[in-house]
């Protein structure tokens, strides 16, 4: 019985993680979701594969208009972009932070 409960908890955690990853792919993930997943994975920074941001989220973080992020992307001047599909650009938070450190230097 105890083994069944442990298996059930593990299955529930895996389902929640898959749901969060799905949300992240479409820009619906919140900081609270990321923290929840990070805690579930032992608190390792960078262990969360779904720390991807939309253009709007990057713009909000950098305090610029979304069109500025788009212009940077088109000219190759902005943070590295990952295309989930031809119309879904996403930015890894680590890439945005690295790019920002580079332009601020």
N, C-alpha and C. Protein backbone atom coordinates (compact mmCIF):
# COMPACT_ATOMS: atom_id res chain seq x y z
N UNK A 1 0.83 -1.19 0.00
CA UNK A 1 0.00 0.00 0.00
C UNK A 1 0.87 1.25 0.00
N UNK A 2 1.93 1.26 0.82
CA UNK A 2 2.81 2.42 0.90
C UNK A 2 3.51 2.66 -0.43
N UNK A 3 3.89 1.58 -1.11
CA UNK A 3 4.55 1.69 -2.41
C UNK A 3 3.60 2.28 -3.45
N UNK A 4 2.32 1.90 -3.40
CA UNK A 4 1.32 2.46 -4.31
C UNK A 4 1.16 3.96 -4.12
N UNK A 5 1.20 4.43 -2.87
CA UNK A 5 1.07 5.86 -2.60
C UNK A 5 2.27 6.63 -3.14
N UNK A 6 3.47 6.05 -2.99
CA UNK A 6 4.68 6.71 -3.50
C UNK A 6 4.63 6.78 -5.02
N UNK A 7 4.19 5.71 -5.65
CA UNK A 7 4.07 5.69 -7.10
C UNK A 7 3.03 6.71 -7.56
N UNK A 8 1.92 6.81 -6.85
CA UNK A 8 0.87 7.78 -7.19
C UNK A 8 1.39 9.20 -7.09
N UNK A 9 2.15 9.52 -6.02
CA UNK A 9 2.71 10.86 -5.85
C UNK A 9 3.68 11.18 -6.99
N UNK A 10 4.50 10.21 -7.36
CA UNK A 10 5.46 10.42 -8.44
C UNK A 10 4.72 10.66 -9.77
N UNK A 11 3.69 9.87 -10.04
CA UNK A 11 2.90 10.04 -11.25
C UNK A 11 2.23 11.41 -11.29
N UNK A 12 1.70 11.86 -10.15
CA UNK A 12 1.06 13.18 -10.06
C UNK A 12 2.08 14.29 -10.34
N UNK A 13 3.27 14.16 -9.78
CA UNK A 13 4.32 15.17 -9.99
C UNK A 13 4.72 15.22 -11.46
N UNK A 14 4.84 14.06 -12.10
CA UNK A 14 5.20 14.01 -13.52
C UNK A 14 4.11 14.63 -14.39
N UNK A 15 2.84 14.40 -14.05
CA UNK A 15 1.74 15.01 -14.79
C UNK A 15 1.76 16.53 -14.66
N UNK A 16 2.00 17.02 -13.44
CA UNK A 16 2.08 18.47 -13.23
C UNK A 16 3.25 19.07 -14.02
N UNK A 17 4.38 18.38 -14.02
CA UNK A 17 5.55 18.87 -14.76
C UNK A 17 5.26 18.93 -16.26
N UNK A 18 4.63 17.90 -16.82
CA UNK A 18 4.29 17.90 -18.24
C UNK A 18 3.31 19.03 -18.55
N UNK A 19 2.37 19.28 -17.67
CA UNK A 19 1.40 20.36 -17.88
C UNK A 19 2.10 21.72 -17.88
N UNK A 20 3.05 21.91 -16.97
CA UNK A 20 3.79 23.17 -16.92
C UNK A 20 4.64 23.37 -18.17
N UNK A 21 5.25 22.32 -18.65
CA UNK A 21 6.06 22.42 -19.86
C UNK A 21 5.16 22.80 -21.03
N UNK A 22 3.99 22.22 -21.11
CA UNK A 22 3.04 22.57 -22.17
C UNK A 22 2.62 24.03 -22.07
N UNK A 23 2.37 24.51 -20.85
CA UNK A 23 2.00 25.91 -20.67
C UNK A 23 3.14 26.82 -21.11
N UNK A 24 4.35 26.44 -20.80
CA UNK A 24 5.52 27.27 -21.13
C UNK A 24 5.70 27.41 -22.63
N UNK A 25 5.39 26.38 -23.35
CA UNK A 25 5.57 26.43 -24.80
C UNK A 25 4.66 27.47 -25.44
N UNK A 26 3.58 27.83 -24.78
CA UNK A 26 2.66 28.81 -25.33
C UNK A 26 2.64 30.10 -24.52
N UNK A 27 3.66 30.29 -23.69
CA UNK A 27 3.80 31.54 -22.97
C UNK A 27 2.85 31.72 -21.81
N UNK A 28 2.24 30.64 -21.33
CA UNK A 28 1.26 30.76 -20.26
C UNK A 28 1.85 30.46 -18.88
N UNK A 29 3.11 30.16 -18.82
CA UNK A 29 3.72 29.79 -17.55
C UNK A 29 3.99 31.05 -16.73
N UNK A 30 3.80 30.93 -15.44
CA UNK A 30 4.04 32.06 -14.54
C UNK A 30 5.32 31.81 -13.75
N UNK A 31 5.83 32.83 -13.10
CA UNK A 31 7.00 32.66 -12.24
C UNK A 31 6.70 31.66 -11.13
N UNK A 32 5.49 31.66 -10.63
CA UNK A 32 5.11 30.71 -9.59
C UNK A 32 5.18 29.27 -10.11
N UNK A 33 4.76 29.07 -11.37
CA UNK A 33 4.85 27.74 -11.98
C UNK A 33 6.30 27.29 -12.05
N UNK A 34 7.19 28.19 -12.47
CA UNK A 34 8.61 27.85 -12.60
C UNK A 34 9.20 27.51 -11.24
N UNK A 35 8.88 28.31 -10.24
CA UNK A 35 9.38 28.03 -8.89
C UNK A 35 8.87 26.69 -8.38
N UNK A 36 7.61 26.39 -8.64
CA UNK A 36 7.03 25.11 -8.22
C UNK A 36 7.80 23.96 -8.87
N UNK A 37 8.06 24.07 -10.16
CA UNK A 37 8.77 23.02 -10.87
C UNK A 37 10.21 22.92 -10.38
N UNK A 38 10.85 24.05 -10.15
CA UNK A 38 12.23 24.04 -9.66
C UNK A 38 12.32 23.33 -8.31
N UNK A 39 11.36 23.62 -7.42
CA UNK A 39 11.35 22.94 -6.12
C UNK A 39 11.13 21.44 -6.29
N UNK A 40 10.25 21.09 -7.21
CA UNK A 40 9.98 19.67 -7.45
C UNK A 40 11.19 18.95 -8.01
N UNK A 41 12.08 19.69 -8.68
CA UNK A 41 13.28 19.09 -9.27
C UNK A 41 14.50 19.27 -8.37
N UNK A 42 14.28 19.55 -7.12
CA UNK A 42 15.37 19.65 -6.18
C UNK A 42 15.98 21.03 -6.08
N UNK A 43 15.32 22.04 -6.62
CA UNK A 43 15.78 23.40 -6.47
C UNK A 43 16.96 23.79 -7.34
N UNK A 44 17.34 22.97 -8.30
CA UNK A 44 18.49 23.27 -9.14
C UNK A 44 18.16 24.37 -10.13
N UNK A 45 18.93 25.46 -10.08
CA UNK A 45 18.74 26.54 -11.06
C UNK A 45 19.16 26.01 -12.41
N UNK A 46 18.39 26.28 -13.43
CA UNK A 46 18.71 25.80 -14.76
C UNK A 46 18.16 24.42 -15.04
N UNK A 47 17.63 23.75 -14.02
CA UNK A 47 17.08 22.42 -14.22
C UNK A 47 15.73 22.47 -14.91
N UNK A 48 15.15 23.64 -14.92
CA UNK A 48 13.83 23.80 -15.52
C UNK A 48 13.98 24.04 -17.00
N UNK A 49 13.60 23.07 -17.82
CA UNK A 49 13.79 23.22 -19.25
C UNK A 49 12.82 24.22 -19.85
N UNK A 50 11.80 24.59 -19.10
CA UNK A 50 10.76 25.41 -19.68
C UNK A 50 10.86 26.89 -19.32
N UNK A 51 12.06 27.39 -19.07
CA UNK A 51 12.21 28.80 -18.78
C UNK A 51 12.31 29.57 -20.08
N UNK A 52 11.29 29.43 -20.91
CA UNK A 52 11.24 30.12 -22.19
C UNK A 52 10.23 31.25 -22.10
N UNK A 53 10.56 32.36 -22.76
CA UNK A 53 9.74 33.56 -22.67
C UNK A 53 9.22 33.93 -24.05
N UNK A 54 8.05 34.54 -24.07
CA UNK A 54 7.50 35.08 -25.30
C UNK A 54 8.16 36.43 -25.59
N UNK A 55 7.93 36.96 -26.78
CA UNK A 55 8.44 38.28 -27.13
C UNK A 55 7.88 39.34 -26.17
N UNK A 56 6.61 39.20 -25.83
CA UNK A 56 5.99 40.16 -24.91
C UNK A 56 6.63 40.09 -23.52
N UNK A 57 6.95 38.89 -23.06
CA UNK A 57 7.58 38.75 -21.75
C UNK A 57 8.99 39.34 -21.76
N UNK A 58 9.72 39.12 -22.85
CA UNK A 58 11.07 39.71 -22.97
C UNK A 58 10.95 41.23 -22.98
N UNK A 59 10.00 41.75 -23.75
CA UNK A 59 9.80 43.19 -23.81
C UNK A 59 9.48 43.76 -22.43
N UNK A 60 8.61 43.08 -21.70
CA UNK A 60 8.24 43.54 -20.35
C UNK A 60 9.47 43.52 -19.43
N UNK A 61 10.27 42.46 -19.53
CA UNK A 61 11.47 42.34 -18.71
C UNK A 61 12.45 43.47 -19.00
N UNK A 62 12.63 43.79 -20.28
CA UNK A 62 13.60 44.80 -20.69
C UNK A 62 13.02 46.21 -20.71
N UNK A 63 11.70 46.31 -20.48
CA UNK A 63 10.99 47.59 -20.46
C UNK A 63 11.10 48.32 -21.80
N UNK A 64 10.85 47.53 -22.85
CA UNK A 64 10.78 48.09 -24.21
C UNK A 64 9.49 47.60 -24.83
N UNK A 65 9.14 48.16 -25.98
CA UNK A 65 7.94 47.73 -26.68
C UNK A 65 8.20 46.37 -27.35
N UNK A 66 7.14 45.59 -27.49
CA UNK A 66 7.26 44.29 -28.15
C UNK A 66 7.81 44.43 -29.56
N UNK A 67 7.46 45.53 -30.25
CA UNK A 67 7.95 45.74 -31.61
C UNK A 67 9.47 45.92 -31.64
N UNK A 68 10.04 46.44 -30.55
CA UNK A 68 11.49 46.59 -30.46
C UNK A 68 12.15 45.22 -30.41
N UNK A 69 11.59 44.32 -29.62
CA UNK A 69 12.12 42.96 -29.54
C UNK A 69 12.04 42.30 -30.92
N UNK A 70 10.92 42.50 -31.60
CA UNK A 70 10.74 41.95 -32.95
C UNK A 70 11.78 42.52 -33.90
N UNK A 71 12.02 43.81 -33.85
CA UNK A 71 13.00 44.45 -34.72
C UNK A 71 14.41 43.92 -34.42
N UNK A 72 14.74 43.77 -33.14
CA UNK A 72 16.04 43.21 -32.77
C UNK A 72 16.19 41.80 -33.32
N UNK A 73 15.12 41.02 -33.20
CA UNK A 73 15.15 39.63 -33.68
C UNK A 73 15.37 39.60 -35.19
N UNK A 74 14.66 40.44 -35.93
CA UNK A 74 14.77 40.46 -37.39
C UNK A 74 16.13 40.94 -37.86
N UNK A 75 16.76 41.82 -37.10
CA UNK A 75 18.07 42.35 -37.51
C UNK A 75 19.22 41.52 -36.94
N UNK A 76 18.91 40.53 -36.10
CA UNK A 76 19.96 39.69 -35.52
C UNK A 76 20.68 40.35 -34.36
N UNK A 77 20.14 41.43 -33.83
CA UNK A 77 20.78 42.17 -32.75
C UNK A 77 20.31 41.76 -31.35
N UNK A 78 19.22 41.05 -31.26
CA UNK A 78 18.64 40.73 -29.97
C UNK A 78 19.13 39.42 -29.40
N UNK A 79 18.50 38.98 -28.33
CA UNK A 79 18.85 37.70 -27.71
C UNK A 79 18.59 36.55 -28.67
N UNK A 80 19.30 35.46 -28.45
CA UNK A 80 19.11 34.26 -29.28
C UNK A 80 17.67 33.80 -29.17
N UNK A 81 17.10 33.43 -30.29
CA UNK A 81 15.70 33.02 -30.34
C UNK A 81 15.60 31.55 -30.71
N UNK A 82 14.61 30.88 -30.15
CA UNK A 82 14.29 29.49 -30.50
C UNK A 82 12.90 29.51 -31.11
N UNK A 83 12.76 28.93 -32.29
CA UNK A 83 11.46 28.91 -32.97
C UNK A 83 10.77 27.58 -32.70
N UNK A 84 9.64 27.62 -32.01
CA UNK A 84 8.85 26.42 -31.76
C UNK A 84 8.06 26.04 -33.00
N UNK A 85 7.73 27.03 -33.79
CA UNK A 85 7.07 26.86 -35.08
C UNK A 85 7.37 28.13 -35.86
N UNK A 86 7.00 28.20 -37.14
CA UNK A 86 7.30 29.42 -37.90
C UNK A 86 6.74 30.71 -37.31
N UNK A 87 5.76 30.62 -36.45
CA UNK A 87 5.18 31.83 -35.88
C UNK A 87 5.29 31.90 -34.35
N UNK A 88 6.10 31.03 -33.75
CA UNK A 88 6.22 31.01 -32.28
C UNK A 88 7.67 31.16 -31.83
N UNK A 89 8.18 32.40 -31.80
CA UNK A 89 9.53 32.59 -31.27
C UNK A 89 9.51 32.54 -29.75
N UNK A 90 10.52 31.91 -29.19
CA UNK A 90 10.67 31.87 -27.73
C UNK A 90 12.12 32.16 -27.38
N UNK A 91 12.30 32.71 -26.20
CA UNK A 91 13.63 33.10 -25.73
C UNK A 91 13.92 32.38 -24.42
N UNK A 92 15.04 31.69 -24.35
CA UNK A 92 15.45 31.09 -23.08
C UNK A 92 15.85 32.23 -22.15
N UNK A 93 15.36 32.18 -20.94
CA UNK A 93 15.65 33.24 -19.98
C UNK A 93 17.17 33.41 -19.82
N UNK A 94 17.90 32.32 -19.79
CA UNK A 94 19.36 32.39 -19.65
C UNK A 94 19.99 33.13 -20.83
N UNK A 95 19.46 32.92 -22.05
CA UNK A 95 19.98 33.61 -23.23
C UNK A 95 19.70 35.11 -23.16
N UNK A 96 18.53 35.46 -22.68
CA UNK A 96 18.17 36.88 -22.54
C UNK A 96 19.10 37.54 -21.52
N UNK A 97 19.31 36.88 -20.40
CA UNK A 97 20.18 37.44 -19.36
C UNK A 97 21.62 37.56 -19.87
N UNK A 98 22.09 36.56 -20.60
CA UNK A 98 23.45 36.60 -21.16
C UNK A 98 23.58 37.74 -22.18
N UNK A 99 22.59 37.88 -23.05
CA UNK A 99 22.59 38.95 -24.03
C UNK A 99 22.61 40.32 -23.34
N UNK A 100 21.80 40.45 -22.30
CA UNK A 100 21.73 41.71 -21.58
C UNK A 100 23.08 42.05 -20.93
N UNK A 101 23.73 41.06 -20.35
CA UNK A 101 25.05 41.30 -19.77
C UNK A 101 26.02 41.75 -20.85
N UNK A 102 25.93 41.16 -22.05
CA UNK A 102 26.82 41.52 -23.15
C UNK A 102 26.62 42.94 -23.65
N UNK A 103 25.38 43.37 -23.78
CA UNK A 103 25.12 44.72 -24.29
C UNK A 103 25.34 45.78 -23.22
N UNK A 104 25.26 45.37 -21.96
CA UNK A 104 25.46 46.32 -20.86
C UNK A 104 26.93 46.55 -20.56
N UNK A 105 27.80 45.66 -21.06
CA UNK A 105 29.24 45.77 -20.77
C UNK A 105 29.90 46.87 -21.55
